[in-house]
């Protein structure tokens, strides 16, 4: 019972800490630029005319991640039943490896998609 509370608290604390650092650092950077007399137009986000939509990039990366995980489970089952590798090694190792390969492939395909659009 106590372990779940600690894990939940740690996850919440990490998310809060990252958000706090992000917003406080951004505010400090902006204040320093304003004090130096920088142009305020650098704070306004301009939408790229030739940028791929966010949903296309998200779907591409998510689909490649899930394909990688599916291939990893299939590969791990082959390793367990044919090669005799232990399940506790085969499944997590292949899942992390193939998920990483899928995300890396998604990164390169996203760069290619950004250049085409």
PDB file of N, CA and C in Angstrom:
ATOM      1  N   UNK A   1       0.828  -1.196   0.000  1.00  0.00           N
ATOM      2  CA  UNK A   1       0.000   0.000   0.000  1.00  0.00           C
ATOM      3  C   UNK A   1       0.866   1.250   0.000  1.00  0.00           C
ATOM      4  N   UNK A   2       1.932   1.256   0.769  1.00  0.00           N
ATOM      5  CA  UNK A   2       2.769   2.440   0.872  1.00  0.00           C
ATOM      6  C   UNK A   2       3.578   2.712  -0.376  1.00  0.00           C
ATOM      7  N   UNK A   3       3.922   1.644  -1.122  1.00  0.00           N
ATOM      8  CA  UNK A   3       4.734   1.808  -2.311  1.00  0.00           C
ATOM      9  C   UNK A   3       4.021   2.567  -3.414  1.00  0.00           C
ATOM     10  N   UNK A   4       2.720   2.317  -3.558  1.00  0.00           N
ATOM     11  CA  UNK A   4       1.952   2.991  -4.598  1.00  0.00           C
ATOM     12  C   UNK A   4       1.863   4.492  -4.344  1.00  0.00           C
ATOM     13  N   UNK A   5       1.709   4.843  -3.083  1.00  0.00           N
ATOM     14  CA  UNK A   5       1.609   6.258  -2.717  1.00  0.00           C
ATOM     15  C   UNK A   5       2.925   6.971  -2.993  1.00  0.00           C
ATOM     16  N   UNK A   6       4.018   6.312  -2.678  1.00  0.00           N
ATOM     17  CA  UNK A   6       5.328   6.912  -2.903  1.00  0.00           C
ATOM     18  C   UNK A   6       5.585   7.095  -4.392  1.00  0.00           C
ATOM     19  N   UNK A   7       5.266   6.098  -5.195  1.00  0.00           N
ATOM     20  CA  UNK A   7       5.480   6.186  -6.641  1.00  0.00           C
ATOM     21  C   UNK A   7       4.604   7.278  -7.246  1.00  0.00           C
ATOM     22  N   UNK A   8       3.340   7.327  -6.842  1.00  0.00           N
ATOM     23  CA  UNK A   8       2.448   8.366  -7.356  1.00  0.00           C
ATOM     24  C   UNK A   8       2.949   9.758  -6.984  1.00  0.00           C
ATOM     25  N   UNK A   9       3.406   9.906  -5.755  1.00  0.00           N
ATOM     26  CA  UNK A   9       3.931  11.189  -5.300  1.00  0.00           C
ATOM     27  C   UNK A   9       5.191  11.576  -6.068  1.00  0.00           C
ATOM     28  N   UNK A  10       6.066  10.630  -6.322  1.00  0.00           N
ATOM     29  CA  UNK A  10       7.278  10.910  -7.076  1.00  0.00           C
ATOM     30  C   UNK A  10       6.974  11.310  -8.516  1.00  0.00           C
ATOM     31  N   UNK A  11       6.050  10.619  -9.146  1.00  0.00           N
ATOM     32  CA  UNK A  11       5.688  10.958 -10.528  1.00  0.00           C
ATOM     33  C   UNK A  11       5.096  12.358 -10.584  1.00  0.00           C
ATOM     34  N   UNK A  12       4.190  12.662  -9.669  1.00  0.00           N
ATOM     35  CA  UNK A  12       3.603  13.994  -9.624  1.00  0.00           C
ATOM     36  C   UNK A  12       4.671  15.052  -9.361  1.00  0.00           C
ATOM     37  N   UNK A  13       5.590  14.771  -8.452  1.00  0.00           N
ATOM     38  CA  UNK A  13       6.658  15.719  -8.140  1.00  0.00           C
ATOM     39  C   UNK A  13       7.577  15.970  -9.323  1.00  0.00           C
ATOM     40  N   UNK A  14       7.896  14.932 -10.069  1.00  0.00           N
ATOM     41  CA  UNK A  14       8.756  15.098 -11.242  1.00  0.00           C
ATOM     42  C   UNK A  14       8.057  15.938 -12.300  1.00  0.00           C
ATOM     43  N   UNK A  15       6.794  15.670 -12.554  1.00  0.00           N
ATOM     44  CA  UNK A  15       6.048  16.452 -13.549  1.00  0.00           C
ATOM     45  C   UNK A  15       5.950  17.909 -13.112  1.00  0.00           C
ATOM     46  N   UNK A  16       5.644  18.135 -11.847  1.00  0.00           N
ATOM     47  CA  UNK A  16       5.565  19.501 -11.333  1.00  0.00           C
ATOM     48  C   UNK A  16       6.919  20.200 -11.421  1.00  0.00           C
ATOM     49  N   UNK A  17       7.989  19.494 -11.069  1.00  0.00           N
ATOM     50  CA  UNK A  17       9.325  20.080 -11.112  1.00  0.00           C
ATOM     51  C   UNK A  17       9.743  20.471 -12.518  1.00  0.00           C
ATOM     52  N   UNK A  18       9.461  19.630 -13.486  1.00  0.00           N
ATOM     53  CA  UNK A  18       9.805  19.943 -14.876  1.00  0.00           C
ATOM     54  C   UNK A  18       9.016  21.148 -15.358  1.00  0.00           C
ATOM     55  N   UNK A  19       7.725  21.176 -15.071  1.00  0.00           N
ATOM     56  CA  UNK A  19       6.903  22.312 -15.502  1.00  0.00           C
ATOM     57  C   UNK A  19       7.367  23.595 -14.824  1.00  0.00           C
ATOM     58  N   UNK A  20       7.667  23.533 -13.535  1.00  0.00           N
ATOM     59  CA  UNK A  20       8.132  24.720 -12.814  1.00  0.00           C
ATOM     60  C   UNK A  20       9.440  25.248 -13.390  1.00  0.00           C
ATOM     61  N   UNK A  21      10.385  24.356 -13.630  1.00  0.00           N
ATOM     62  CA  UNK A  21      11.660  24.778 -14.197  1.00  0.00           C
ATOM     63  C   UNK A  21      11.489  25.373 -15.594  1.00  0.00           C
ATOM     64  N   UNK A  22      10.623  24.777 -16.380  1.00  0.00           N
ATOM     65  CA  UNK A  22      10.402  25.270 -17.740  1.00  0.00           C
ATOM     66  C   UNK A  22       9.857  26.693 -17.726  1.00  0.00           C
ATOM     67  N   UNK A  23       8.800  26.911 -16.948  1.00  0.00           N
ATOM     68  CA  UNK A  23       8.170  28.226 -16.950  1.00  0.00           C
ATOM     69  C   UNK A  23       9.007  29.286 -16.241  1.00  0.00           C
ATOM     70  N   UNK A  24       9.682  28.915 -15.158  1.00  0.00           N
ATOM     71  CA  UNK A  24      10.498  29.917 -14.465  1.00  0.00           C
ATOM     72  C   UNK A  24      11.725  30.290 -15.292  1.00  0.00           C
ATOM     73  N   UNK A  25      12.333  29.335 -15.961  1.00  0.00           N
ATOM     74  CA  UNK A  25      13.485  29.629 -16.808  1.00  0.00           C
ATOM     75  C   UNK A  25      13.081  30.489 -17.996  1.00  0.00           C
ATOM     76  N   UNK A  26      11.938  30.165 -18.595  1.00  0.00           N
ATOM     77  CA  UNK A  26      11.460  30.947 -19.733  1.00  0.00           C
ATOM     78  C   UNK A  26      11.190  32.389 -19.316  1.00  0.00           C
ATOM     79  N   UNK A  27      10.613  32.564 -18.139  1.00  0.00           N
ATOM     80  CA  UNK A  27      10.323  33.908 -17.647  1.00  0.00           C
ATOM     81  C   UNK A  27      11.618  34.686 -17.404  1.00  0.00           C
ATOM     82  N   UNK A  28      12.602  34.035 -16.792  1.00  0.00           N
ATOM     83  CA  UNK A  28      13.879  34.704 -16.534  1.00  0.00           C
ATOM     84  C   UNK A  28      14.584  35.096 -17.829  1.00  0.00           C
ATOM     85  N   UNK A  29      14.547  34.232 -18.829  1.00  0.00           N
ATOM     86  CA  UNK A  29      15.167  34.547 -20.116  1.00  0.00           C
ATOM     87  C   UNK A  29      14.489  35.741 -20.767  1.00  0.00           C
ATOM     88  N   UNK A  30      13.180  35.753 -20.725  1.00  0.00           N
ATOM     89  CA  UNK A  30      12.441  36.860 -21.336  1.00  0.00           C
ATOM     90  C   UNK A  30      12.702  38.173 -20.616  1.00  0.00           C
ATOM     91  N   UNK A  31      12.741  38.109 -19.292  1.00  0.00           N
ATOM     92  CA  UNK A  31      13.014  39.332 -18.527  1.00  0.00           C
ATOM     93  C   UNK A  31      14.418  39.864 -18.820  1.00  0.00           C
ATOM     94  N   UNK A  32      15.381  38.969 -18.965  1.00  0.00           N
ATOM     95  CA  UNK A  32      16.749  39.400 -19.280  1.00  0.00           C
ATOM     96  C   UNK A  32      16.810  40.030 -20.671  1.00  0.00           C
ATOM     97  N   UNK A  33      16.097  39.470 -21.623  1.00  0.00           N
ATOM     98  CA  UNK A  33      16.084  40.050 -22.969  1.00  0.00           C
ATOM     99  C   UNK A  33      15.395  41.408 -22.991  1.00  0.00           C
ATOM    100  N   UNK A  34      14.323  41.547 -22.212  1.00  0.00           N
ATOM    101  CA  UNK A  34      13.611  42.824 -22.159  1.00  0.00           C
ATOM    102  C   UNK A  34      14.502  43.888 -21.510  1.00  0.00           C
ATOM    103  N   UNK A  35      15.233  43.511 -20.458  1.00  0.00           N
ATOM    104  CA  UNK A  35      16.122  44.466 -19.798  1.00  0.00           C
ATOM    105  C   UNK A  35      17.233  44.940 -20.727  1.00  0.00           C
ATOM    106  N   UNK A  36      17.665  44.075 -21.629  1.00  0.00           N
ATOM    107  CA  UNK A  36      18.720  44.461 -22.574  1.00  0.00           C
ATOM    108  C   UNK A  36      18.175  45.232 -23.764  1.00  0.00           C
ATOM    109  N   UNK A  37      16.860  45.316 -23.885  1.00  0.00           N
ATOM    110  CA  UNK A  37      16.248  46.081 -24.952  1.00  0.00           C
ATOM    111  C   UNK A  37      16.027  45.293 -26.228  1.00  0.00           C
ATOM    112  N   UNK A  38      15.881  43.991 -26.126  1.00  0.00           N
ATOM    113  CA  UNK A  38      15.641  43.163 -27.309  1.00  0.00           C
ATOM    114  C   UNK A  38      14.230  43.395 -27.830  1.00  0.00           C
ATOM    115  N   UNK A  39      14.044  43.103 -29.093  1.00  0.00           N
ATOM    116  CA  UNK A  39      12.738  43.276 -29.728  1.00  0.00           C
ATOM    117  C   UNK A  39      11.748  42.256 -29.164  1.00  0.00           C
ATOM    118  N   UNK A  40      10.540  42.684 -28.871  1.00  0.00           N
ATOM    119  CA  UNK A  40       9.527  41.808 -28.277  1.00  0.00           C
ATOM    120  C   UNK A  40       8.939  40.833 -29.285  1.00  0.00           C
ATOM    121  N   UNK A  41       9.213  41.004 -30.568  1.00  0.00           N
ATOM    122  CA  UNK A  41       8.642  40.118 -31.571  1.00  0.00           C
ATOM    123  C   UNK A  41       9.228  38.716 -31.507  1.00  0.00           C
ATOM    124  N   UNK A  42      10.328  38.529 -30.808  1.00  0.00           N
ATOM    125  CA  UNK A  42      10.902  37.185 -30.716  1.00  0.00           C
ATOM    126  C   UNK A  42      10.081  36.277 -29.806  1.00  0.00           C
ATOM    127  N   UNK A  43       9.189  36.856 -28.999  1.00  0.00           N
ATOM    128  CA  UNK A  43       8.353  36.053 -28.124  1.00  0.00           C
ATOM    129  C   UNK A  43       7.091  35.544 -28.809  1.00  0.00           C
ATOM    130  N   UNK A  44       6.756  36.107 -29.935  1.00  0.00           N
ATOM    131  CA  UNK A  44       5.542  35.708 -30.644  1.00  0.00           C
ATOM    132  C   UNK A  44       5.887  34.531 -31.547  1.00  0.00           C
ATOM    133  N   UNK A  45       5.138  33.455 -31.405  1.00  0.00           N
ATOM    134  CA  UNK A  45       5.375  32.289 -32.244  1.00  0.00           C
ATOM    135  C   UNK A  45       4.770  32.534 -33.618  1.00  0.00           C
ATOM    136  N   UNK A  46       5.594  32.390 -34.620  1.00  0.00           N
ATOM    137  CA  UNK A  46       5.099  32.500 -35.983  1.00  0.00           C
ATOM    138  C   UNK A  46       4.890  31.103 -36.525  1.00  0.00           C
ATOM    139  N   UNK A  47       3.757  30.923 -37.145  1.00  0.00           N
ATOM    140  CA  UNK A  47       3.437  29.619 -37.694  1.00  0.00           C
ATOM    141  C   UNK A  47       4.141  29.462 -39.029  1.00  0.00           C
ATOM    142  N   UNK A  48       4.850  28.365 -39.162  1.00  0.00           N
ATOM    143  CA  UNK A  48       5.543  28.114 -40.414  1.00  0.00           C
ATOM    144  C   UNK A  48       4.515  27.857 -41.515  1.00  0.00           C
ATOM    145  N   UNK A  49       4.777  28.424 -42.675  1.00  0.00           N
ATOM    146  CA  UNK A  49       3.854  28.228 -43.787  1.00  0.00           C
ATOM    147  C   UNK A  49       3.942  26.816 -44.341  1.00  0.00           C
ATOM    148  N   UNK A  50       5.112  26.239 -44.265  1.00  0.00           N
ATOM    149  CA  UNK A  50       5.316  24.924 -44.861  1.00  0.00           C
ATOM    150  C   UNK A  50       5.585  23.860 -43.818  1.00  0.00           C
ATOM    151  N   UNK A  51       4.939  23.953 -42.690  1.00  0.00           N
ATOM    152  CA  UNK A  51       5.131  22.966 -41.635  1.00  0.00           C
ATOM    153  C   UNK A  51       4.059  21.888 -41.735  1.00  0.00           C
ATOM    154  N   UNK A  52       4.460  20.662 -41.453  1.00  0.00           N
ATOM    155  CA  UNK A  52       3.510  19.558 -41.447  1.00  0.00           C
ATOM    156  C   UNK A  52       2.599  19.699 -40.233  1.00  0.00           C
ATOM    157  N   UNK A  53       1.339  19.320 -40.364  1.00  0.00           N
ATOM    158  CA  UNK A  53       0.433  19.405 -39.218  1.00  0.00           C
ATOM    159  C   UNK A  53       0.904  18.514 -38.064  1.00  0.00           C
ATOM    160  N   UNK A  54       0.638  18.983 -36.854  1.00  0.00           N
ATOM    161  CA  UNK A  54       1.075  18.278 -35.658  1.00  0.00           C
ATOM    162  C   UNK A  54       0.476  16.880 -35.584  1.00  0.00           C
ATOM    163  N   UNK A  55      -0.779  16.720 -35.986  1.00  0.00           N
ATOM    164  CA  UNK A  55      -1.443  15.422 -35.875  1.00  0.00           C
ATOM    165  C   UNK A  55      -0.803  14.397 -36.799  1.00  0.00           C
ATOM    166  N   UNK A  56      -0.287  14.829 -37.948  1.00  0.00           N
ATOM    167  CA  UNK A  56       0.377  13.872 -38.844  1.00  0.00           C
ATOM    168  C   UNK A  56       1.670  13.360 -38.216  1.00  0.00           C
ATOM    169  N   UNK A  57       2.412  14.244 -37.598  1.00  0.00           N
ATOM    170  CA  UNK A  57       3.670  13.856 -36.965  1.00  0.00           C
ATOM    171  C   UNK A  57       3.398  12.943 -35.777  1.00  0.00           C
ATOM    172  N   UNK A  58       2.376  13.278 -34.987  1.00  0.00           N
ATOM    173  CA  UNK A  58       2.024  12.463 -33.829  1.00  0.00           C
ATOM    174  C   UNK A  58       1.587  11.066 -34.248  1.00  0.00           C
ATOM    175  N   UNK A  59       0.739  10.976 -35.252  1.00  0.00           N
ATOM    176  CA  UNK A  59       0.260   9.670 -35.704  1.00  0.00           C
ATOM    177  C   UNK A  59       1.403   8.851 -36.295  1.00  0.00           C
ATOM    178  N   UNK A  60       2.288   9.503 -37.059  1.00  0.00           N
ATOM    179  CA  UNK A  60       3.428   8.800 -37.638  1.00  0.00           C
ATOM    180  C   UNK A  60       4.314   8.209 -36.547  1.00  0.00           C
ATOM    181  N   UNK A  61       4.683   9.007 -35.557  1.00  0.00           N
ATOM    182  CA  UNK A  61       5.562   8.525 -34.494  1.00  0.00           C
ATOM    183  C   UNK A  61       4.885   7.477 -33.614  1.00  0.00           C
ATOM    184  N   UNK A  62       3.610   7.682 -33.307  1.00  0.00           N
ATOM    185  CA  UNK A  62       2.890   6.709 -32.489  1.00  0.00           C
ATOM    186  C   UNK A  62       2.738   5.380 -33.215  1.00  0.00           C
ATOM    187  N   UNK A  63       2.434   5.428 -34.503  1.00  0.00           N
ATOM    188  CA  UNK A  63       2.272   4.182 -35.247  1.00  0.00           C
ATOM    189  C   UNK A  63       3.592   3.427 -35.359  1.00  0.00           C
ATOM    190  N   UNK A  64       4.694   4.138 -35.596  1.00  0.00           N
ATOM    191  CA  UNK A  64       5.986   3.458 -35.662  1.00  0.00           C
ATOM    192  C   UNK A  64       6.397   2.903 -34.307  1.00  0.00           C
ATOM    193  N   UNK A  65       6.051   3.587 -33.228  1.00  0.00           N
ATOM    194  CA  UNK A  65       6.332   3.071 -31.890  1.00  0.00           C
ATOM    195  C   UNK A  65       5.561   1.778 -31.637  1.00  0.00           C
ATOM    196  N   UNK A  66       4.282   1.770 -31.973  1.00  0.00           N
ATOM    197  CA  UNK A  66       3.464   0.577 -31.743  1.00  0.00           C
ATOM    198  C   UNK A  66       3.879  -0.573 -32.655  1.00  0.00           C
ATOM    199  N   UNK A  67       4.263  -0.270 -33.898  1.00  0.00           N
ATOM    200  CA  UNK A  67       4.770  -1.307 -34.796  1.00  0.00           C
ATOM    201  C   UNK A  67       6.050  -1.908 -34.222  1.00  0.00           C
ATOM    202  N   UNK A  68       6.920  -1.057 -33.701  1.00  0.00           N
ATOM    203  CA  UNK A  68       8.157  -1.542 -33.094  1.00  0.00           C
ATOM    204  C   UNK A  68       7.898  -2.426 -31.897  1.00  0.00           C
ATOM    205  N   UNK A  69       6.935  -2.059 -31.057  1.00  0.00           N
ATOM    206  CA  UNK A  69       6.615  -2.877 -29.884  1.00  0.00           C
ATOM    207  C   UNK A  69       6.017  -4.212 -30.308  1.00  0.00           C
ATOM    208  N   UNK A  70       5.145  -4.188 -31.319  1.00  0.00           N
ATOM    209  CA  UNK A  70       4.562  -5.436 -31.814  1.00  0.00           C
ATOM    210  C   UNK A  70       5.607  -6.367 -32.398  1.00  0.00           C
ATOM    211  N   UNK A  71       6.510  -5.817 -33.188  1.00  0.00           N
ATOM    212  CA  UNK A  71       7.599  -6.628 -33.751  1.00  0.00           C
ATOM    213  C   UNK A  71       8.501  -7.157 -32.646  1.00  0.00           C
ATOM    214  N   UNK A  72       8.694  -6.371 -31.603  1.00  0.00           N
ATOM    215  CA  UNK A  72       9.549  -6.798 -30.493  1.00  0.00           C
ATOM    216  C   UNK A  72       8.940  -7.980 -29.749  1.00  0.00           C
ATOM    217  N   UNK A  73       7.646  -7.948 -29.523  1.00  0.00           N
ATOM    218  CA  UNK A  73       6.992  -9.070 -28.839  1.00  0.00           C
ATOM    219  C   UNK A  73       7.091 -10.332 -29.687  1.00  0.00           C
ATOM    220  N   UNK A  74       6.896 -10.184 -30.999  1.00  0.00           N
ATOM    221  CA  UNK A  74       7.029 -11.323 -31.899  1.00  0.00           C
ATOM    222  C   UNK A  74       8.462 -11.853 -31.898  1.00  0.00           C
ATOM    223  N   UNK A  75       9.431 -10.961 -31.971  1.00  0.00           N
ATOM    224  CA  UNK A  75      10.838 -11.346 -31.967  1.00  0.00           C
ATOM    225  C   UNK A  75      11.212 -12.008 -30.644  1.00  0.00           C
ATOM    226  N   UNK A  76      10.713 -11.474 -29.544  1.00  0.00           N
ATOM    227  CA  UNK A  76      11.026 -12.055 -28.237  1.00  0.00           C
ATOM    228  C   UNK A  76      10.432 -13.448 -28.094  1.00  0.00           C
ATOM    229  N   UNK A  77       9.230 -13.661 -28.611  1.00  0.00           N
ATOM    230  CA  UNK A  77       8.638 -15.002 -28.519  1.00  0.00           C
ATOM    231  C   UNK A  77       9.432 -16.002 -29.347  1.00  0.00           C
ATOM    232  N   UNK A  78       9.963 -15.563 -30.487  1.00  0.00           N
ATOM    233  CA  UNK A  78      10.829 -16.444 -31.280  1.00  0.00           C
ATOM    234  C   UNK A  78      12.107 -16.754 -30.501  1.00  0.00           C
ATOM    235  N   UNK A  79      12.661 -15.732 -29.857  1.00  0.00           N
ATOM    236  CA  UNK A  79      13.888 -15.941 -29.082  1.00  0.00           C
ATOM    237  C   UNK A  79      13.654 -16.881 -27.904  1.00  0.00           C
ATOM    238  N   UNK A  80      12.489 -16.793 -27.277  1.00  0.00           N
ATOM    239  CA  UNK A  80      12.209 -17.634 -26.108  1.00  0.00           C
ATOM    240  C   UNK A  80      11.979 -19.079 -26.519  1.00  0.00           C
ATOM    241  N   UNK A  81      11.132 -19.304 -27.521  1.00  0.00           N
ATOM    242  CA  UNK A  81      10.727 -20.670 -27.848  1.00  0.00           C
ATOM    243  C   UNK A  81      11.695 -21.374 -28.790  1.00  0.00           C
ATOM    244  N   UNK A  82      12.420 -20.645 -29.618  1.00  0.00           N
ATOM    245  CA  UNK A  82      13.345 -21.299 -30.546  1.00  0.00           C
ATOM    246  C   UNK A  82      14.784 -21.310 -30.038  1.00  0.00           C
ATOM    247  N   UNK A  83      15.219 -20.212 -29.469  1.00  0.00           N
ATOM    248  CA  UNK A  83      16.613 -20.099 -29.060  1.00  0.00           C
ATOM    249  C   UNK A  83      16.837 -20.374 -27.584  1.00  0.00           C
ATOM    250  N   UNK A  84      15.770 -20.441 -26.802  1.00  0.00           N
ATOM    251  CA  UNK A  84      15.895 -20.758 -25.391  1.00  0.00           C
ATOM    252  C   UNK A  84      16.343 -19.607 -24.510  1.00  0.00           C
ATOM    253  N   UNK A  85      16.153 -18.378 -24.965  1.00  0.00           N
ATOM    254  CA  UNK A  85      16.512 -17.205 -24.159  1.00  0.00           C
ATOM    255  C   UNK A  85      15.465 -17.045 -23.056  1.00  0.00           C
ATOM    256  N   UNK A  86      15.886 -16.602 -21.887  1.00  0.00           N
ATOM    257  CA  UNK A  86      14.935 -16.431 -20.779  1.00  0.00           C
ATOM    258  C   UNK A  86      13.927 -15.329 -21.099  1.00  0.00           C
ATOM    259  N   UNK A  87      12.691 -15.532 -20.653  1.00  0.00           N
ATOM    260  CA  UNK A  87      11.633 -14.548 -20.898  1.00  0.00           C
ATOM    261  C   UNK A  87      11.933 -13.214 -20.246  1.00  0.00           C
ATOM    262  N   UNK A  88      12.517 -13.247 -19.058  1.00  0.00           N
ATOM    263  CA  UNK A  88      12.781 -12.006 -18.327  1.00  0.00           C
ATOM    264  C   UNK A  88      13.839 -11.146 -19.008  1.00  0.00           C
ATOM    265  N   UNK A  89      14.578 -11.727 -19.939  1.00  0.00           N
ATOM    266  CA  UNK A  89      15.577 -10.971 -20.687  1.00  0.00           C
ATOM    267  C   UNK A  89      15.063 -10.626 -22.078  1.00  0.00           C
ATOM    268  N   UNK A  90      14.419 -11.567 -22.716  1.00  0.00           N
ATOM    269  CA  UNK A  90      14.029 -11.413 -24.116  1.00  0.00           C
ATOM    270  C   UNK A  90      12.960 -10.342 -24.310  1.00  0.00           C
ATOM    271  N   UNK A  91      11.909 -10.374 -23.526  1.00  0.00           N
ATOM    272  CA  UNK A  91      10.800  -9.441 -23.750  1.00  0.00           C
ATOM    273  C   UNK A  91      11.165  -7.980 -23.481  1.00  0.00           C
ATOM    274  N   UNK A  92      11.674  -7.634 -22.290  1.00  0.00           N
ATOM    275  CA  UNK A  92      12.002  -6.210 -22.081  1.00  0.00           C
ATOM    276  C   UNK A  92      13.103  -5.709 -23.006  1.00  0.00           C
ATOM    277  N   UNK A  93      14.118  -6.540 -23.231  1.00  0.00           N
ATOM    278  CA  UNK A  93      15.217  -6.111 -24.083  1.00  0.00           C
ATOM    279  C   UNK A  93      14.784  -5.841 -25.506  1.00  0.00           C
ATOM    280  N   UNK A  94      14.001  -6.740 -26.058  1.00  0.00           N
ATOM    281  CA  UNK A  94      13.566  -6.545 -27.442  1.00  0.00           C
ATOM    282  C   UNK A  94      12.533  -5.426 -27.548  1.00  0.00           C
ATOM    283  N   UNK A  95      11.697  -5.261 -26.554  1.00  0.00           N
ATOM    284  CA  UNK A  95      10.703  -4.184 -26.608  1.00  0.00           C
ATOM    285  C   UNK A  95      11.392  -2.823 -26.585  1.00  0.00           C
ATOM    286  N   UNK A  96      12.344  -2.637 -25.677  1.00  0.00           N
ATOM    287  CA  UNK A  96      13.041  -1.352 -25.626  1.00  0.00           C
ATOM    288  C   UNK A  96      13.852  -1.108 -26.885  1.00  0.00           C
ATOM    289  N   UNK A  97      14.501  -2.147 -27.400  1.00  0.00           N
ATOM    290  CA  UNK A  97      15.308  -1.997 -28.606  1.00  0.00           C
ATOM    291  C   UNK A  97      14.444  -1.625 -29.805  1.00  0.00           C
ATOM    292  N   UNK A  98      13.390  -2.350 -30.027  1.00  0.00           N
ATOM    293  CA  UNK A  98      12.553  -2.103 -31.201  1.00  0.00           C
ATOM    294  C   UNK A  98      11.750  -0.810 -31.058  1.00  0.00           C
ATOM    295  N   UNK A  99      11.332  -0.458 -29.847  1.00  0.00           N
ATOM    296  CA  UNK A  99      10.634   0.812 -29.649  1.00  0.00           C
ATOM    297  C   UNK A  99      11.575   1.976 -29.934  1.00  0.00           C
ATOM    298  N   UNK A 100      12.816   1.864 -29.510  1.00  0.00           N
ATOM    299  CA  UNK A 100      13.802   2.897 -29.802  1.00  0.00           C
ATOM    300  C   UNK A 100      14.077   3.016 -31.287  1.00  0.00           C
ATOM    301  N   UNK A 101      14.174   1.891 -31.970  1.00  0.00           N
ATOM    302  CA  UNK A 101      14.382   1.915 -33.421  1.00  0.00           C
ATOM    303  C   UNK A 101      13.186   2.549 -34.113  1.00  0.00           C
ATOM    304  N   UNK A 102      11.972   2.231 -33.642  1.00  0.00           N
ATOM    305  CA  UNK A 102      10.777   2.828 -34.220  1.00  0.00           C
ATOM    306  C   UNK A 102      10.728   4.337 -34.024  1.00  0.00           C
ATOM    307  N   UNK A 103      11.099   4.807 -32.845  1.00  0.00           N
ATOM    308  CA  UNK A 103      11.120   6.250 -32.598  1.00  0.00           C
ATOM    309  C   UNK A 103      12.212   6.950 -33.403  1.00  0.00           C
ATOM    310  N   UNK A 104      13.348   6.300 -33.564  1.00  0.00           N
ATOM    311  CA  UNK A 104      14.420   6.872 -34.380  1.00  0.00           C
ATOM    312  C   UNK A 104      13.993   6.964 -35.840  1.00  0.00           C
ATOM    313  N   UNK A 105      13.349   5.922 -36.338  1.00  0.00           N
ATOM    314  CA  UNK A 105      12.826   5.944 -37.702  1.00  0.00           C
ATOM    315  C   UNK A 105      11.764   7.028 -37.846  1.00  0.00           C
ATOM    316  N   UNK A 106      10.924   7.194 -36.821  1.00  0.00           N
ATOM    317  CA  UNK A 106       9.921   8.248 -36.841  1.00  0.00           C
ATOM    318  C   UNK A 106      10.545   9.629 -36.883  1.00  0.00           C
ATOM    319  N   UNK A 107      11.658   9.813 -36.198  1.00  0.00           N
ATOM    320  CA  UNK A 107      12.357  11.099 -36.216  1.00  0.00           C
ATOM    321  C   UNK A 107      12.840  11.421 -37.621  1.00  0.00           C
ATOM    322  N   UNK A 108      13.463  10.449 -38.276  1.00  0.00           N
ATOM    323  CA  UNK A 108      13.970  10.692 -39.620  1.00  0.00           C
ATOM    324  C   UNK A 108      12.845  10.888 -40.636  1.00  0.00           C
ATOM    325  N   UNK A 109      11.761  10.142 -40.483  1.00  0.00           N
ATOM    326  CA  UNK A 109      10.633  10.330 -41.390  1.00  0.00           C
ATOM    327  C   UNK A 109       9.944  11.670 -41.151  1.00  0.00           C
ATOM    328  N   UNK A 110       9.931  12.144 -39.914  1.00  0.00           N
ATOM    329  CA  UNK A 110       9.357  13.461 -39.616  1.00  0.00           C
ATOM    330  C   UNK A 110      10.189  14.556 -40.250  1.00  0.00           C
ATOM    331  N   UNK A 111      11.517  14.426 -40.177  1.00  0.00           N
ATOM    332  CA  UNK A 111      12.382  15.405 -40.840  1.00  0.00           C
ATOM    333  C   UNK A 111      12.133  15.405 -42.341  1.00  0.00           C
ATOM    334  N   UNK A 112      11.967  14.241 -42.925  1.00  0.00           N
ATOM    335  CA  UNK A 112      11.700  14.142 -44.355  1.00  0.00           C
ATOM    336  C   UNK A 112      10.335  14.750 -44.686  1.00  0.00           C
ATOM    337  N   UNK A 113       9.339  14.511 -43.830  1.00  0.00           N
ATOM    338  CA  UNK A 113       8.011  15.060 -44.034  1.00  0.00           C
ATOM    339  C   UNK A 113       8.019  16.589 -43.937  1.00  0.00           C
ATOM    340  N   UNK A 114       8.804  17.134 -43.021  1.00  0.00           N
ATOM    341  CA  UNK A 114       8.911  18.579 -42.866  1.00  0.00           C
ATOM    342  C   UNK A 114       9.545  19.221 -44.112  1.00  0.00           C
ATOM    343  N   UNK A 115      10.500  18.534 -44.732  1.00  0.00           N
ATOM    344  CA  UNK A 115      11.146  19.088 -45.924  1.00  0.00           C
ATOM    345  C   UNK A 115      10.214  19.058 -47.125  1.00  0.00           C
ATOM    346  N   UNK A 116       9.371  18.021 -47.213  1.00  0.00           N
ATOM    347  CA  UNK A 116       8.474  17.882 -48.361  1.00  0.00           C
ATOM    348  C   UNK A 116       7.352  18.888 -48.344  1.00  0.00           C
ATOM    349  N   UNK A 117       6.839  19.185 -47.152  1.00  0.00           N
ATOM    350  CA  UNK A 117       5.661  20.061 -47.064  1.00  0.00           C
ATOM    351  C   UNK A 117       6.028  21.499 -47.207  1.00  0.00           C
TER     352      UNK A 117
END
